[in-house]
């Protein structure tokens, strides 16, 4: 299935300007064009943009995204791509651990507040 830039914008929640910028910066492969010169996206492009947004959301640096984008279609680069993703996965796990510690501290504070409120009601 093919999509116009408007459809891709709606599906990805990215503006047309951002989609064009991503293409210009090499974050997405050269997008095919129809006979009128309009961009035509396919399922593979949509899949890539969805993945790109997911890893970007987890804090993958733009330079890493660009590097990954440049090598993603070369089968010989699978070991390098795996390494990039493994390093980023480890980063995400570290972030999760930090967030869990923060949540634990907040929960501890809630318990303290609940205890104070319970004691004040008992009085």
PDB file of N, CA and C in Angstrom:
ATOM      1  N   UNK A   1       0.839  -1.177   0.000  1.00  0.00           N
ATOM      2  CA  UNK A   1       0.000   0.000   0.000  1.00  0.00           C
ATOM      3  C   UNK A   1       0.887   1.245   0.000  1.00  0.00           C
ATOM      4  N   UNK A   2       0.475   2.249  -0.705  1.00  0.00           N
ATOM      5  CA  UNK A   2       1.206   3.510  -0.771  1.00  0.00           C
ATOM      6  C   UNK A   2       0.453   4.592  -0.010  1.00  0.00           C
ATOM      7  N   UNK A   3       1.225   5.547   0.516  1.00  0.00           N
ATOM      8  CA  UNK A   3       0.663   6.637   1.307  1.00  0.00           C
ATOM      9  C   UNK A   3       1.201   7.975   0.815  1.00  0.00           C
ATOM     10  N   UNK A   4       0.377   8.977   0.899  1.00  0.00           N
ATOM     11  CA  UNK A   4       0.838  10.345   0.619  1.00  0.00           C
ATOM     12  C   UNK A   4       1.506  10.887   1.878  1.00  0.00           C
ATOM     13  N   UNK A   5       2.152  12.018   1.744  1.00  0.00           N
ATOM     14  CA  UNK A   5       2.779  12.639   2.909  1.00  0.00           C
ATOM     15  C   UNK A   5       1.714  13.032   3.941  1.00  0.00           C
ATOM     16  N   UNK A   6       0.520  13.411   3.482  1.00  0.00           N
ATOM     17  CA  UNK A   6      -0.566  13.741   4.406  1.00  0.00           C
ATOM     18  C   UNK A   6      -0.991  12.525   5.217  1.00  0.00           C
ATOM     19  N   UNK A   7      -1.099  11.375   4.546  1.00  0.00           N
ATOM     20  CA  UNK A   7      -1.495  10.149   5.244  1.00  0.00           C
ATOM     21  C   UNK A   7      -0.420   9.712   6.228  1.00  0.00           C
ATOM     22  N   UNK A   8       0.834   9.778   5.819  1.00  0.00           N
ATOM     23  CA  UNK A   8       1.933   9.398   6.714  1.00  0.00           C
ATOM     24  C   UNK A   8       1.994  10.355   7.901  1.00  0.00           C
ATOM     25  N   UNK A   9       1.776  11.621   7.645  1.00  0.00           N
ATOM     26  CA  UNK A   9       1.761  12.614   8.712  1.00  0.00           C
ATOM     27  C   UNK A   9       0.686  12.262   9.736  1.00  0.00           C
ATOM     28  N   UNK A  10      -0.486  11.912   9.261  1.00  0.00           N
ATOM     29  CA  UNK A  10      -1.593  11.546  10.156  1.00  0.00           C
ATOM     30  C   UNK A  10      -1.267  10.268  10.928  1.00  0.00           C
ATOM     31  N   UNK A  11      -0.710   9.263  10.245  1.00  0.00           N
ATOM     32  CA  UNK A  11      -0.413   7.973  10.879  1.00  0.00           C
ATOM     33  C   UNK A  11       0.712   8.057  11.903  1.00  0.00           C
ATOM     34  N   UNK A  12       1.704   8.885  11.629  1.00  0.00           N
ATOM     35  CA  UNK A  12       2.871   8.972  12.519  1.00  0.00           C
ATOM     36  C   UNK A  12       2.773  10.122  13.511  1.00  0.00           C
ATOM     37  N   UNK A  13       1.821  11.022  13.287  1.00  0.00           N
ATOM     38  CA  UNK A  13       1.674  12.234  14.100  1.00  0.00           C
ATOM     39  C   UNK A  13       2.878  13.177  13.938  1.00  0.00           C
ATOM     40  N   UNK A  14       3.575  13.043  12.815  1.00  0.00           N
ATOM     41  CA  UNK A  14       4.680  13.941  12.477  1.00  0.00           C
ATOM     42  C   UNK A  14       4.168  14.953  11.453  1.00  0.00           C
ATOM     43  N   UNK A  15       4.606  16.179  11.584  1.00  0.00           N
ATOM     44  CA  UNK A  15       4.205  17.177  10.590  1.00  0.00           C
ATOM     45  C   UNK A  15       4.872  16.874   9.253  1.00  0.00           C
ATOM     46  N   UNK A  16       4.305  17.404   8.200  1.00  0.00           N
ATOM     47  CA  UNK A  16       4.916  17.242   6.882  1.00  0.00           C
ATOM     48  C   UNK A  16       6.314  17.869   6.883  1.00  0.00           C
ATOM     49  N   UNK A  17       6.458  18.995   7.577  1.00  0.00           N
ATOM     50  CA  UNK A  17       7.761  19.650   7.677  1.00  0.00           C
ATOM     51  C   UNK A  17       8.775  18.698   8.317  1.00  0.00           C
ATOM     52  N   UNK A  18       8.380  18.028   9.404  1.00  0.00           N
ATOM     53  CA  UNK A  18       9.283  17.106  10.093  1.00  0.00           C
ATOM     54  C   UNK A  18       9.632  15.928   9.204  1.00  0.00           C
ATOM     55  N   UNK A  19       8.664  15.407   8.479  1.00  0.00           N
ATOM     56  CA  UNK A  19       8.935  14.293   7.563  1.00  0.00           C
ATOM     57  C   UNK A  19       9.955  14.696   6.502  1.00  0.00           C
ATOM     58  N   UNK A  20       9.785  15.885   5.952  1.00  0.00           N
ATOM     59  CA  UNK A  20      10.743  16.375   4.951  1.00  0.00           C
ATOM     60  C   UNK A  20      12.127  16.576   5.577  1.00  0.00           C
ATOM     61  N   UNK A  21      12.148  17.101   6.806  1.00  0.00           N
ATOM     62  CA  UNK A  21      13.410  17.321   7.515  1.00  0.00           C
ATOM     63  C   UNK A  21      14.110  15.979   7.765  1.00  0.00           C
ATOM     64  N   UNK A  22      13.361  14.977   8.229  1.00  0.00           N
ATOM     65  CA  UNK A  22      13.950  13.656   8.470  1.00  0.00           C
ATOM     66  C   UNK A  22      14.566  13.098   7.191  1.00  0.00           C
ATOM     67  N   UNK A  23      13.888  13.294   6.080  1.00  0.00           N
ATOM     68  CA  UNK A  23      14.418  12.820   4.807  1.00  0.00           C
ATOM     69  C   UNK A  23      15.695  13.573   4.453  1.00  0.00           C
ATOM     70  N   UNK A  24      15.660  14.894   4.603  1.00  0.00           N
ATOM     71  CA  UNK A  24      16.823  15.728   4.284  1.00  0.00           C
ATOM     72  C   UNK A  24      18.031  15.370   5.149  1.00  0.00           C
ATOM     73  N   UNK A  25      17.776  15.053   6.419  1.00  0.00           N
ATOM     74  CA  UNK A  25      18.856  14.730   7.355  1.00  0.00           C
ATOM     75  C   UNK A  25      19.322  13.276   7.273  1.00  0.00           C
ATOM     76  N   UNK A  26      18.677  12.494   6.418  1.00  0.00           N
ATOM     77  CA  UNK A  26      19.104  11.108   6.253  1.00  0.00           C
ATOM     78  C   UNK A  26      18.539  10.158   7.295  1.00  0.00           C
ATOM     79  N   UNK A  27      17.518  10.589   8.023  1.00  0.00           N
ATOM     80  CA  UNK A  27      16.905   9.707   9.015  1.00  0.00           C
ATOM     81  C   UNK A  27      15.938   8.720   8.385  1.00  0.00           C
ATOM     82  N   UNK A  28      15.441   9.063   7.214  1.00  0.00           N
ATOM     83  CA  UNK A  28      14.614   8.134   6.436  1.00  0.00           C
ATOM     84  C   UNK A  28      15.240   8.034   5.058  1.00  0.00           C
ATOM     85  N   UNK A  29      15.070   6.881   4.438  1.00  0.00           N
ATOM     86  CA  UNK A  29      15.662   6.728   3.105  1.00  0.00           C
ATOM     87  C   UNK A  29      14.999   7.672   2.113  1.00  0.00           C
ATOM     88  N   UNK A  30      15.641   7.838   0.980  1.00  0.00           N
ATOM     89  CA  UNK A  30      15.041   8.655  -0.072  1.00  0.00           C
ATOM     90  C   UNK A  30      13.656   8.103  -0.370  1.00  0.00           C
ATOM     91  N   UNK A  31      12.675   8.943  -0.256  1.00  0.00           N
ATOM     92  CA  UNK A  31      11.293   8.544  -0.484  1.00  0.00           C
ATOM     93  C   UNK A  31      11.005   8.616  -1.982  1.00  0.00           C
ATOM     94  N   UNK A  32      10.309   7.589  -2.472  1.00  0.00           N
ATOM     95  CA  UNK A  32       9.947   7.581  -3.896  1.00  0.00           C
ATOM     96  C   UNK A  32       8.983   8.731  -4.186  1.00  0.00           C
ATOM     97  N   UNK A  33       8.928   9.104  -5.433  1.00  0.00           N
ATOM     98  CA  UNK A  33       8.025  10.171  -5.858  1.00  0.00           C
ATOM     99  C   UNK A  33       7.190   9.696  -7.033  1.00  0.00           C
ATOM    100  N   UNK A  34       5.995  10.231  -7.130  1.00  0.00           N
ATOM    101  CA  UNK A  34       5.138   9.886  -8.265  1.00  0.00           C
ATOM    102  C   UNK A  34       5.498  10.771  -9.457  1.00  0.00           C
ATOM    103  N   UNK A  35       4.780  10.622 -10.542  1.00  0.00           N
ATOM    104  CA  UNK A  35       5.097  11.358 -11.774  1.00  0.00           C
ATOM    105  C   UNK A  35       4.933  12.870 -11.606  1.00  0.00           C
ATOM    106  N   UNK A  36       4.160  13.288 -10.627  1.00  0.00           N
ATOM    107  CA  UNK A  36       3.989  14.727 -10.356  1.00  0.00           C
ATOM    108  C   UNK A  36       5.030  15.256  -9.374  1.00  0.00           C
ATOM    109  N   UNK A  37       5.892  14.374  -8.860  1.00  0.00           N
ATOM    110  CA  UNK A  37       6.938  14.791  -7.939  1.00  0.00           C
ATOM    111  C   UNK A  37       6.536  14.728  -6.463  1.00  0.00           C
ATOM    112  N   UNK A  38       5.324  14.237  -6.183  1.00  0.00           N
ATOM    113  CA  UNK A  38       4.882  14.122  -4.789  1.00  0.00           C
ATOM    114  C   UNK A  38       5.467  12.870  -4.152  1.00  0.00           C
ATOM    115  N   UNK A  39       5.813  12.987  -2.861  1.00  0.00           N
ATOM    116  CA  UNK A  39       6.365  11.850  -2.143  1.00  0.00           C
ATOM    117  C   UNK A  39       5.324  10.745  -2.030  1.00  0.00           C
ATOM    118  N   UNK A  40       5.801   9.511  -2.211  1.00  0.00           N
ATOM    119  CA  UNK A  40       4.967   8.321  -2.059  1.00  0.00           C
ATOM    120  C   UNK A  40       5.666   7.399  -1.061  1.00  0.00           C
ATOM    121  N   UNK A  41       5.029   7.185   0.072  1.00  0.00           N
ATOM    122  CA  UNK A  41       5.556   6.305   1.113  1.00  0.00           C
ATOM    123  C   UNK A  41       4.925   4.927   0.965  1.00  0.00           C
ATOM    124  N   UNK A  42       5.697   3.895   1.336  1.00  0.00           N
ATOM    125  CA  UNK A  42       5.138   2.549   1.308  1.00  0.00           C
ATOM    126  C   UNK A  42       5.152   1.963   2.721  1.00  0.00           C
ATOM    127  N   UNK A  43       4.737   0.711   2.842  1.00  0.00           N
ATOM    128  CA  UNK A  43       4.662   0.051   4.150  1.00  0.00           C
ATOM    129  C   UNK A  43       6.034   0.008   4.836  1.00  0.00           C
ATOM    130  N   UNK A  44       7.061  -0.208   4.049  1.00  0.00           N
ATOM    131  CA  UNK A  44       8.421  -0.274   4.603  1.00  0.00           C
ATOM    132  C   UNK A  44       8.809   1.087   5.196  1.00  0.00           C
ATOM    133  N   UNK A  45       8.449   2.167   4.523  1.00  0.00           N
ATOM    134  CA  UNK A  45       8.725   3.509   5.031  1.00  0.00           C
ATOM    135  C   UNK A  45       7.954   3.763   6.330  1.00  0.00           C
ATOM    136  N   UNK A  46       6.694   3.357   6.362  1.00  0.00           N
ATOM    137  CA  UNK A  46       5.874   3.536   7.561  1.00  0.00           C
ATOM    138  C   UNK A  46       6.445   2.727   8.722  1.00  0.00           C
ATOM    139  N   UNK A  47       6.845   1.504   8.432  1.00  0.00           N
ATOM    140  CA  UNK A  47       7.447   0.650   9.465  1.00  0.00           C
ATOM    141  C   UNK A  47       8.721   1.298  10.018  1.00  0.00           C
ATOM    142  N   UNK A  48       9.566   1.823   9.134  1.00  0.00           N
ATOM    143  CA  UNK A  48      10.806   2.463   9.572  1.00  0.00           C
ATOM    144  C   UNK A  48      10.508   3.699  10.421  1.00  0.00           C
ATOM    145  N   UNK A  49       9.584   4.541   9.978  1.00  0.00           N
ATOM    146  CA  UNK A  49       9.240   5.749  10.735  1.00  0.00           C
ATOM    147  C   UNK A  49       8.696   5.397  12.114  1.00  0.00           C
ATOM    148  N   UNK A  50       7.897   4.352  12.188  1.00  0.00           N
ATOM    149  CA  UNK A  50       7.352   3.907  13.477  1.00  0.00           C
ATOM    150  C   UNK A  50       8.480   3.470  14.398  1.00  0.00           C
ATOM    151  N   UNK A  51       9.420   2.693  13.866  1.00  0.00           N
ATOM    152  CA  UNK A  51      10.572   2.262  14.663  1.00  0.00           C
ATOM    153  C   UNK A  51      11.410   3.464  15.082  1.00  0.00           C
ATOM    154  N   UNK A  52      11.673   4.339  14.150  1.00  0.00           N
ATOM    155  CA  UNK A  52      12.463   5.540  14.417  1.00  0.00           C
ATOM    156  C   UNK A  52      11.866   6.341  15.571  1.00  0.00           C
ATOM    157  N   UNK A  53      10.563   6.528  15.549  1.00  0.00           N
ATOM    158  CA  UNK A  53       9.897   7.285  16.608  1.00  0.00           C
ATOM    159  C   UNK A  53       9.999   6.577  17.952  1.00  0.00           C
ATOM    160  N   UNK A  54       9.901   5.254  17.946  1.00  0.00           N
ATOM    161  CA  UNK A  54      10.008   4.496  19.203  1.00  0.00           C
ATOM    162  C   UNK A  54      11.391   4.646  19.829  1.00  0.00           C
ATOM    163  N   UNK A  55      12.433   4.479  19.036  1.00  0.00           N
ATOM    164  CA  UNK A  55      13.774   4.579  19.625  1.00  0.00           C
ATOM    165  C   UNK A  55      14.118   6.031  19.958  1.00  0.00           C
ATOM    166  N   UNK A  56      13.613   6.963  19.173  1.00  0.00           N
ATOM    167  CA  UNK A  56      13.825   8.380  19.478  1.00  0.00           C
ATOM    168  C   UNK A  56      13.161   8.727  20.809  1.00  0.00           C
ATOM    169  N   UNK A  57      11.977   8.181  21.019  1.00  0.00           N
ATOM    170  CA  UNK A  57      11.223   8.396  22.260  1.00  0.00           C
ATOM    171  C   UNK A  57      11.984   7.890  23.486  1.00  0.00           C
ATOM    172  N   UNK A  58      12.832   6.896  23.284  1.00  0.00           N
ATOM    173  CA  UNK A  58      13.599   6.338  24.401  1.00  0.00           C
ATOM    174  C   UNK A  58      14.936   7.051  24.596  1.00  0.00           C
ATOM    175  N   UNK A  59      15.153   8.099  23.823  1.00  0.00           N
ATOM    176  CA  UNK A  59      16.344   8.906  24.043  1.00  0.00           C
ATOM    177  C   UNK A  59      17.539   8.574  23.174  1.00  0.00           C
ATOM    178  N   UNK A  60      17.358   7.799  22.122  1.00  0.00           N
ATOM    179  CA  UNK A  60      18.496   7.525  21.249  1.00  0.00           C
ATOM    180  C   UNK A  60      18.924   8.840  20.611  1.00  0.00           C
ATOM    181  N   UNK A  61      20.209   9.176  20.731  1.00  0.00           N
ATOM    182  CA  UNK A  61      20.695  10.441  20.161  1.00  0.00           C
ATOM    183  C   UNK A  61      20.520  10.500  18.641  1.00  0.00           C
ATOM    184  N   UNK A  62      20.286  11.699  18.138  1.00  0.00           N
ATOM    185  CA  UNK A  62      20.074  11.910  16.703  1.00  0.00           C
ATOM    186  C   UNK A  62      21.255  11.385  15.885  1.00  0.00           C
ATOM    187  N   UNK A  63      22.469  11.627  16.355  1.00  0.00           N
ATOM    188  CA  UNK A  63      23.633  11.148  15.597  1.00  0.00           C
ATOM    189  C   UNK A  63      23.626   9.630  15.469  1.00  0.00           C
ATOM    190  N   UNK A  64      23.201   8.935  16.526  1.00  0.00           N
ATOM    191  CA  UNK A  64      23.112   7.471  16.481  1.00  0.00           C
ATOM    192  C   UNK A  64      22.003   7.053  15.526  1.00  0.00           C
ATOM    193  N   UNK A  65      20.877   7.762  15.577  1.00  0.00           N
ATOM    194  CA  UNK A  65      19.783   7.479  14.646  1.00  0.00           C
ATOM    195  C   UNK A  65      20.233   7.662  13.206  1.00  0.00           C
ATOM    196  N   UNK A  66      20.989   8.709  12.954  1.00  0.00           N
ATOM    197  CA  UNK A  66      21.486   8.952  11.595  1.00  0.00           C
ATOM    198  C   UNK A  66      22.421   7.829  11.151  1.00  0.00           C
ATOM    199  N   UNK A  67      23.321   7.428  12.054  1.00  0.00           N
ATOM    200  CA  UNK A  67      24.258   6.351  11.723  1.00  0.00           C
ATOM    201  C   UNK A  67      23.489   5.062  11.425  1.00  0.00           C
ATOM    202  N   UNK A  68      22.528   4.750  12.276  1.00  0.00           N
ATOM    203  CA  UNK A  68      21.722   3.554  12.085  1.00  0.00           C
ATOM    204  C   UNK A  68      20.956   3.629  10.765  1.00  0.00           C
ATOM    205  N   UNK A  69      20.403   4.785  10.473  1.00  0.00           N
ATOM    206  CA  UNK A  69      19.632   4.978   9.236  1.00  0.00           C
ATOM    207  C   UNK A  69      20.495   4.775   7.995  1.00  0.00           C
ATOM    208  N   UNK A  70      21.737   5.250   8.059  1.00  0.00           N
ATOM    209  CA  UNK A  70      22.639   5.131   6.901  1.00  0.00           C
ATOM    210  C   UNK A  70      22.963   3.682   6.568  1.00  0.00           C
ATOM    211  N   UNK A  71      22.996   2.820   7.587  1.00  0.00           N
ATOM    212  CA  UNK A  71      23.452   1.442   7.358  1.00  0.00           C
ATOM    213  C   UNK A  71      22.320   0.412   7.364  1.00  0.00           C
ATOM    214  N   UNK A  72      21.090   0.863   7.579  1.00  0.00           N
ATOM    215  CA  UNK A  72      20.014  -0.094   7.822  1.00  0.00           C
ATOM    216  C   UNK A  72      19.657  -1.002   6.651  1.00  0.00           C
ATOM    217  N   UNK A  73      19.944  -0.631   5.442  1.00  0.00           N
ATOM    218  CA  UNK A  73      19.550  -1.458   4.311  1.00  0.00           C
ATOM    219  C   UNK A  73      20.673  -2.347   3.783  1.00  0.00           C
ATOM    220  N   UNK A  74      21.818  -2.310   4.412  1.00  0.00           N
ATOM    221  CA  UNK A  74      22.938  -3.134   3.977  1.00  0.00           C
ATOM    222  C   UNK A  74      23.001  -4.392   4.855  1.00  0.00           C
ATOM    223  N   UNK A  75      22.736  -5.560   4.290  1.00  0.00           N
ATOM    224  CA  UNK A  75      22.738  -6.794   5.090  1.00  0.00           C
ATOM    225  C   UNK A  75      24.065  -7.053   5.796  1.00  0.00           C
ATOM    226  N   UNK A  76      25.150  -6.527   5.256  1.00  0.00           N
ATOM    227  CA  UNK A  76      26.460  -6.738   5.876  1.00  0.00           C
ATOM    228  C   UNK A  76      26.610  -5.957   7.182  1.00  0.00           C
ATOM    229  N   UNK A  77      25.712  -5.034   7.439  1.00  0.00           N
ATOM    230  CA  UNK A  77      25.838  -4.198   8.643  1.00  0.00           C
ATOM    231  C   UNK A  77      24.992  -4.701   9.814  1.00  0.00           C
ATOM    232  N   UNK A  78      24.412  -5.882   9.670  1.00  0.00           N
ATOM    233  CA  UNK A  78      23.576  -6.404  10.765  1.00  0.00           C
ATOM    234  C   UNK A  78      24.349  -6.466  12.085  1.00  0.00           C
ATOM    235  N   UNK A  79      25.600  -6.938  12.119  1.00  0.00           N
ATOM    236  CA  UNK A  79      26.319  -6.943  13.403  1.00  0.00           C
ATOM    237  C   UNK A  79      26.459  -5.539  14.009  1.00  0.00           C
ATOM    238  N   UNK A  80      26.730  -4.555  13.173  1.00  0.00           N
ATOM    239  CA  UNK A  80      26.858  -3.177  13.672  1.00  0.00           C
ATOM    240  C   UNK A  80      25.511  -2.661  14.170  1.00  0.00           C
ATOM    241  N   UNK A  81      24.443  -2.960  13.444  1.00  0.00           N
ATOM    242  CA  UNK A  81      23.111  -2.513  13.868  1.00  0.00           C
ATOM    243  C   UNK A  81      22.714  -3.173  15.175  1.00  0.00           C
ATOM    244  N   UNK A  82      23.030  -4.453  15.296  1.00  0.00           N
ATOM    245  CA  UNK A  82      22.736  -5.163  16.551  1.00  0.00           C
ATOM    246  C   UNK A  82      23.488  -4.526  17.716  1.00  0.00           C
ATOM    247  N   UNK A  83      24.738  -4.155  17.472  1.00  0.00           N
ATOM    248  CA  UNK A  83      25.554  -3.529  18.519  1.00  0.00           C
ATOM    249  C   UNK A  83      24.942  -2.195  18.949  1.00  0.00           C
ATOM    250  N   UNK A  84      24.524  -1.397  17.982  1.00  0.00           N
ATOM    251  CA  UNK A  84      23.903  -0.108  18.286  1.00  0.00           C
ATOM    252  C   UNK A  84      22.651  -0.316  19.137  1.00  0.00           C
ATOM    253  N   UNK A  85      21.815  -1.267  18.715  1.00  0.00           N
ATOM    254  CA  UNK A  85      20.573  -1.509  19.446  1.00  0.00           C
ATOM    255  C   UNK A  85      20.827  -2.110  20.823  1.00  0.00           C
ATOM    256  N   UNK A  86      21.823  -2.978  20.941  1.00  0.00           N
ATOM    257  CA  UNK A  86      22.151  -3.565  22.242  1.00  0.00           C
ATOM    258  C   UNK A  86      22.622  -2.481  23.215  1.00  0.00           C
ATOM    259  N   UNK A  87      23.493  -1.593  22.732  1.00  0.00           N
ATOM    260  CA  UNK A  87      23.960  -0.497  23.591  1.00  0.00           C
ATOM    261  C   UNK A  87      22.794   0.386  24.019  1.00  0.00           C
ATOM    262  N   UNK A  88      21.887   0.649  23.097  1.00  0.00           N
ATOM    263  CA  UNK A  88      20.748   1.489  23.443  1.00  0.00           C
ATOM    264  C   UNK A  88      19.801   0.760  24.395  1.00  0.00           C
ATOM    265  N   UNK A  89      19.632  -0.525  24.188  1.00  0.00           N
ATOM    266  CA  UNK A  89      18.790  -1.310  25.098  1.00  0.00           C
ATOM    267  C   UNK A  89      19.354  -1.258  26.518  1.00  0.00           C
ATOM    268  N   UNK A  90      20.665  -1.381  26.641  1.00  0.00           N
ATOM    269  CA  UNK A  90      21.292  -1.298  27.964  1.00  0.00           C
ATOM    270  C   UNK A  90      21.057   0.073  28.589  1.00  0.00           C
ATOM    271  N   UNK A  91      21.102   1.113  27.772  1.00  0.00           N
ATOM    272  CA  UNK A  91      20.817   2.466  28.248  1.00  0.00           C
ATOM    273  C   UNK A  91      19.375   2.552  28.769  1.00  0.00           C
ATOM    274  N   UNK A  92      18.449   1.970  28.028  1.00  0.00           N
ATOM    275  CA  UNK A  92      17.038   1.993  28.438  1.00  0.00           C
ATOM    276  C   UNK A  92      16.855   1.248  29.755  1.00  0.00           C
ATOM    277  N   UNK A  93      17.506   0.112  29.899  1.00  0.00           N
ATOM    278  CA  UNK A  93      17.407  -0.663  31.134  1.00  0.00           C
ATOM    279  C   UNK A  93      17.936   0.153  32.313  1.00  0.00           C
ATOM    280  N   UNK A  94      19.044   0.859  32.113  1.00  0.00           N
ATOM    281  CA  UNK A  94      19.579   1.720  33.180  1.00  0.00           C
ATOM    282  C   UNK A  94      18.590   2.820  33.533  1.00  0.00           C
ATOM    283  N   UNK A  95      17.957   3.398  32.511  1.00  0.00           N
ATOM    284  CA  UNK A  95      16.951   4.437  32.755  1.00  0.00           C
ATOM    285  C   UNK A  95      15.763   3.868  33.526  1.00  0.00           C
ATOM    286  N   UNK A  96      15.350   2.654  33.172  1.00  0.00           N
ATOM    287  CA  UNK A  96      14.247   2.008  33.880  1.00  0.00           C
ATOM    288  C   UNK A  96      14.589   1.818  35.352  1.00  0.00           C
ATOM    289  N   UNK A  97      15.820   1.404  35.611  1.00  0.00           N
ATOM    290  CA  UNK A  97      16.245   1.192  36.997  1.00  0.00           C
ATOM    291  C   UNK A  97      16.221   2.503  37.782  1.00  0.00           C
ATOM    292  N   UNK A  98      16.687   3.584  37.154  1.00  0.00           N
ATOM    293  CA  UNK A  98      16.652   4.894  37.809  1.00  0.00           C
ATOM    294  C   UNK A  98      15.217   5.326  38.072  1.00  0.00           C
ATOM    295  N   UNK A  99      14.362   5.139  37.083  1.00  0.00           N
ATOM    296  CA  UNK A  99      12.951   5.506  37.251  1.00  0.00           C
ATOM    297  C   UNK A  99      12.291   4.673  38.339  1.00  0.00           C
ATOM    298  N   UNK A 100      12.626   3.391  38.414  1.00  0.00           N
ATOM    299  CA  UNK A 100      12.050   2.535  39.456  1.00  0.00           C
ATOM    300  C   UNK A 100      12.467   3.019  40.837  1.00  0.00           C
ATOM    301  N   UNK A 101      13.723   3.420  40.980  1.00  0.00           N
ATOM    302  CA  UNK A 101      14.188   3.957  42.273  1.00  0.00           C
ATOM    303  C   UNK A 101      13.433   5.235  42.627  1.00  0.00           C
ATOM    304  N   UNK A 102      13.178   6.060  41.637  1.00  0.00           N
ATOM    305  CA  UNK A 102      12.406   7.281  41.873  1.00  0.00           C
ATOM    306  C   UNK A 102      10.974   6.949  42.274  1.00  0.00           C
ATOM    307  N   UNK A 103      10.379   5.992  41.598  1.00  0.00           N
ATOM    308  CA  UNK A 103       9.019   5.570  41.959  1.00  0.00           C
ATOM    309  C   UNK A 103       8.974   4.986  43.366  1.00  0.00           C
ATOM    310  N   UNK A 104       9.992   4.220  43.722  1.00  0.00           N
ATOM    311  CA  UNK A 104      10.063   3.654  45.074  1.00  0.00           C
ATOM    312  C   UNK A 104      10.128   4.757  46.120  1.00  0.00           C
ATOM    313  N   UNK A 105      10.907   5.803  45.830  1.00  0.00           N
ATOM    314  CA  UNK A 105      11.016   6.931  46.768  1.00  0.00           C
ATOM    315  C   UNK A 105       9.671   7.653  46.902  1.00  0.00           C
ATOM    316  N   UNK A 106       8.963   7.809  45.793  1.00  0.00           N
ATOM    317  CA  UNK A 106       7.643   8.448  45.834  1.00  0.00           C
ATOM    318  C   UNK A 106       6.665   7.586  46.627  1.00  0.00           C
ATOM    319  N   UNK A 107       6.684   6.276  46.395  1.00  0.00           N
ATOM    320  CA  UNK A 107       5.803   5.372  47.137  1.00  0.00           C
ATOM    321  C   UNK A 107       6.095   5.411  48.635  1.00  0.00           C
ATOM    322  N   UNK A 108       7.362   5.502  48.961  1.00  0.00           N
ATOM    323  CA  UNK A 108       7.761   5.592  50.376  1.00  0.00           C
ATOM    324  C   UNK A 108       7.174   6.867  50.998  1.00  0.00           C
ATOM    325  N   UNK A 109       7.218   7.956  50.248  1.00  0.00           N
ATOM    326  CA  UNK A 109       6.658   9.223  50.729  1.00  0.00           C
ATOM    327  C   UNK A 109       5.146   9.105  50.908  1.00  0.00           C
ATOM    328  N   UNK A 110       4.476   8.437  49.966  1.00  0.00           N
ATOM    329  CA  UNK A 110       3.036   8.213  50.097  1.00  0.00           C
ATOM    330  C   UNK A 110       2.716   7.436  51.374  1.00  0.00           C
ATOM    331  N   UNK A 111       3.491   6.404  51.649  1.00  0.00           N
ATOM    332  CA  UNK A 111       3.270   5.606  52.857  1.00  0.00           C
ATOM    333  C   UNK A 111       3.414   6.474  54.105  1.00  0.00           C
ATOM    334  N   UNK A 112       4.413   7.344  54.086  1.00  0.00           N
ATOM    335  CA  UNK A 112       4.620   8.234  55.228  1.00  0.00           C
ATOM    336  C   UNK A 112       3.425   9.176  55.387  1.00  0.00           C
ATOM    337  N   UNK A 113       2.951   9.747  54.281  1.00  0.00           N
ATOM    338  CA  UNK A 113       1.789  10.639  54.335  1.00  0.00           C
ATOM    339  C   UNK A 113       0.558   9.896  54.819  1.00  0.00           C
ATOM    340  N   UNK A 114       0.364   8.670  54.333  1.00  0.00           N
ATOM    341  CA  UNK A 114      -0.785   7.870  54.757  1.00  0.00           C
ATOM    342  C   UNK A 114      -0.730   7.602  56.263  1.00  0.00           C
ATOM    343  N   UNK A 115       0.463   7.326  56.749  1.00  0.00           N
ATOM    344  CA  UNK A 115       0.642   7.068  58.178  1.00  0.00           C
ATOM    345  C   UNK A 115       0.321   8.315  59.004  1.00  0.00           C
ATOM    346  N   UNK A 116       0.801   9.465  58.547  1.00  0.00           N
ATOM    347  CA  UNK A 116       0.523  10.731  59.246  1.00  0.00           C
ATOM    348  C   UNK A 116      -0.973  11.011  59.241  1.00  0.00           C
ATOM    349  N   UNK A 117      -1.632  10.815  58.117  1.00  0.00           N
ATOM    350  CA  UNK A 117      -3.070  11.061  58.037  1.00  0.00           C
ATOM    351  C   UNK A 117      -3.841  10.095  58.925  1.00  0.00           C
ATOM    352  N   UNK A 118      -3.423   8.834  58.930  1.00  0.00           N
ATOM    353  CA  UNK A 118      -4.096   7.839  59.764  1.00  0.00           C
ATOM    354  C   UNK A 118      -3.979   8.214  61.234  1.00  0.00           C
ATOM    355  N   UNK A 119      -2.801   8.650  61.662  1.00  0.00           N
ATOM    356  CA  UNK A 119      -2.587   9.039  63.069  1.00  0.00           C
ATOM    357  C   UNK A 119      -3.413  10.276  63.409  1.00  0.00           C
ATOM    358  N   UNK A 120      -3.520  11.226  62.467  1.00  0.00           N
ATOM    359  CA  UNK A 120      -4.294  12.435  62.779  1.00  0.00           C
ATOM    360  C   UNK A 120      -5.787  12.132  62.871  1.00  0.00           C
ATOM    361  N   UNK A 121      -6.274  11.157  62.141  1.00  0.00           N
ATOM    362  CA  UNK A 121      -7.680  10.764  62.208  1.00  0.00           C
ATOM    363  C   UNK A 121      -7.958  10.054  63.537  1.00  0.00           C
ATOM    364  N   UNK A 122      -6.986   9.281  64.013  1.00  0.00           N
ATOM    365  CA  UNK A 122      -7.149   8.535  65.271  1.00  0.00           C
ATOM    366  C   UNK A 122      -7.228   9.475  66.462  1.00  0.00           C
ATOM    367  N   UNK A 123      -6.656  10.649  66.342  1.00  0.00           N
ATOM    368  CA  UNK A 123      -6.679  11.593  67.467  1.00  0.00           C
ATOM    369  C   UNK A 123      -8.039  12.150  67.578  1.00  0.00           C
TER     370      UNK A 123
END
